[in-house]
C-alpha cells in the first residue's frame, strides 16, 4: 500500500503541518481545508509544501515522526527548499 509523508503550509497561520496518509494528497488536503475540529480546521488556506512517497504506511509514519522530532521550523524549511544541510 503506497503512502505519503507531507508538509502543509498555511499563510494565515504562518505554520507548517506535518502528516502522513494513504489517501491521495489532494484528497487529504481537501479534508485539512474543510471546517473541522482540530488544528488544521482553524484555517482553510493550507497548501502542499512538500511530499515524499513510501511503499508502506509504516515508513511514511516513521518519516513523519522523524521530522516532528526535529522540532525545528528552520530544518523543515531547509527540507522543503531542497537544501537539508544548509
Protein backbone atom coordinates (compact mmCIF):
# COMPACT_ATOMS: atom_id res chain seq x y z
CA UNK A 1 0.00 0.00 0.00
CA UNK A 2 1.53 3.30 -1.07
CA UNK A 3 1.65 6.11 1.46
CA UNK A 4 2.85 9.69 1.56
CA UNK A 5 4.58 11.88 4.09
CA UNK A 6 3.65 15.52 3.59
CA UNK A 7 4.17 19.02 4.88
CA UNK A 8 1.45 21.66 4.50
CA UNK A 9 1.77 25.41 4.99
CA UNK A 10 -0.87 27.95 6.00
CA UNK A 11 -0.01 31.58 5.23
CA UNK A 12 -2.74 32.93 7.53
CA UNK A 13 -1.42 30.86 10.45
CA UNK A 14 2.22 31.13 9.32
CA UNK A 15 2.56 27.47 10.36
CA UNK A 16 3.58 24.13 8.93
CA UNK A 17 1.67 20.91 9.44
CA UNK A 18 3.44 17.55 9.13
CA UNK A 19 1.49 14.37 8.43
CA UNK A 20 1.19 11.11 6.52
CA UNK A 21 -1.61 9.44 4.58
CA UNK A 22 -2.58 6.53 2.36
CA UNK A 23 -5.16 8.72 0.61
CA UNK A 24 -4.30 10.86 -2.38
CA UNK A 25 -2.54 14.03 -1.32
CA UNK A 26 -5.24 16.17 -2.97
CA UNK A 27 -8.00 14.41 -1.01
CA UNK A 28 -6.08 14.77 2.24
CA UNK A 29 -5.51 18.47 1.51
CA UNK A 30 -9.24 18.92 0.87
CA UNK A 31 -10.00 17.41 4.27
CA UNK A 32 -7.45 19.63 6.02
CA UNK A 33 -9.03 22.69 4.39
CA UNK A 34 -12.55 21.70 5.42
CA UNK A 35 -14.20 23.14 8.52
CA UNK A 36 -13.48 20.51 11.20
CA UNK A 37 -12.29 20.28 14.77
CA UNK A 38 -8.57 20.06 15.16
CA UNK A 39 -5.53 22.18 14.39
CA UNK A 40 -5.86 22.37 10.60
CA UNK A 41 -9.61 23.06 10.76
CA UNK A 42 -8.94 26.53 12.15
CA UNK A 43 -7.53 27.67 8.80
CA UNK A 44 -8.62 26.93 5.24
CA UNK A 45 -5.62 28.08 3.22
CA UNK A 46 -3.36 25.02 3.59
CA UNK A 47 -1.16 24.29 0.59
CA UNK A 48 1.14 21.37 -0.09
CA UNK A 49 4.72 22.43 0.58
CA UNK A 50 6.47 19.05 0.37
CA UNK A 51 5.72 15.37 -0.32
CA UNK A 52 7.66 12.10 -0.11
CA UNK A 53 6.23 8.75 -1.26
CA UNK A 54 6.74 5.47 0.57
CA UNK A 55 5.91 1.83 -0.08
CA UNK A 56 4.07 1.46 3.24
CA UNK A 57 2.11 3.44 5.78
CA UNK A 58 4.63 2.40 8.44
CA UNK A 59 7.53 4.02 6.56
CA UNK A 60 5.56 7.24 5.94
CA UNK A 61 4.62 7.37 9.63
CA UNK A 62 8.26 6.80 10.62
CA UNK A 63 9.31 9.75 8.42
CA UNK A 64 6.56 11.93 9.95
CA UNK A 65 7.81 11.13 13.47
CA UNK A 66 11.41 11.81 12.40
CA UNK A 67 10.59 15.29 11.07
CA UNK A 68 8.31 16.16 14.00
CA UNK A 69 11.09 15.19 16.40
CA UNK A 70 13.32 17.83 14.82
CA UNK A 71 11.13 20.48 16.49
CA UNK A 72 12.72 22.94 14.10
CA UNK A 73 11.00 25.21 11.62
CA UNK A 74 14.39 26.01 10.11
CA UNK A 75 15.11 22.34 9.37
CA UNK A 76 11.64 21.88 7.87
CA UNK A 77 12.17 24.92 5.62
CA UNK A 78 15.58 23.56 4.58
CA UNK A 79 13.97 20.21 3.67
CA UNK A 80 11.28 21.97 1.62
CA UNK A 81 13.85 24.12 -0.18
CA UNK A 82 15.89 21.06 -1.12
CA UNK A 83 18.86 22.12 1.00
CA UNK A 84 18.63 19.93 4.12
CA UNK A 85 22.22 20.65 5.18
CA UNK A 86 22.16 24.46 4.81
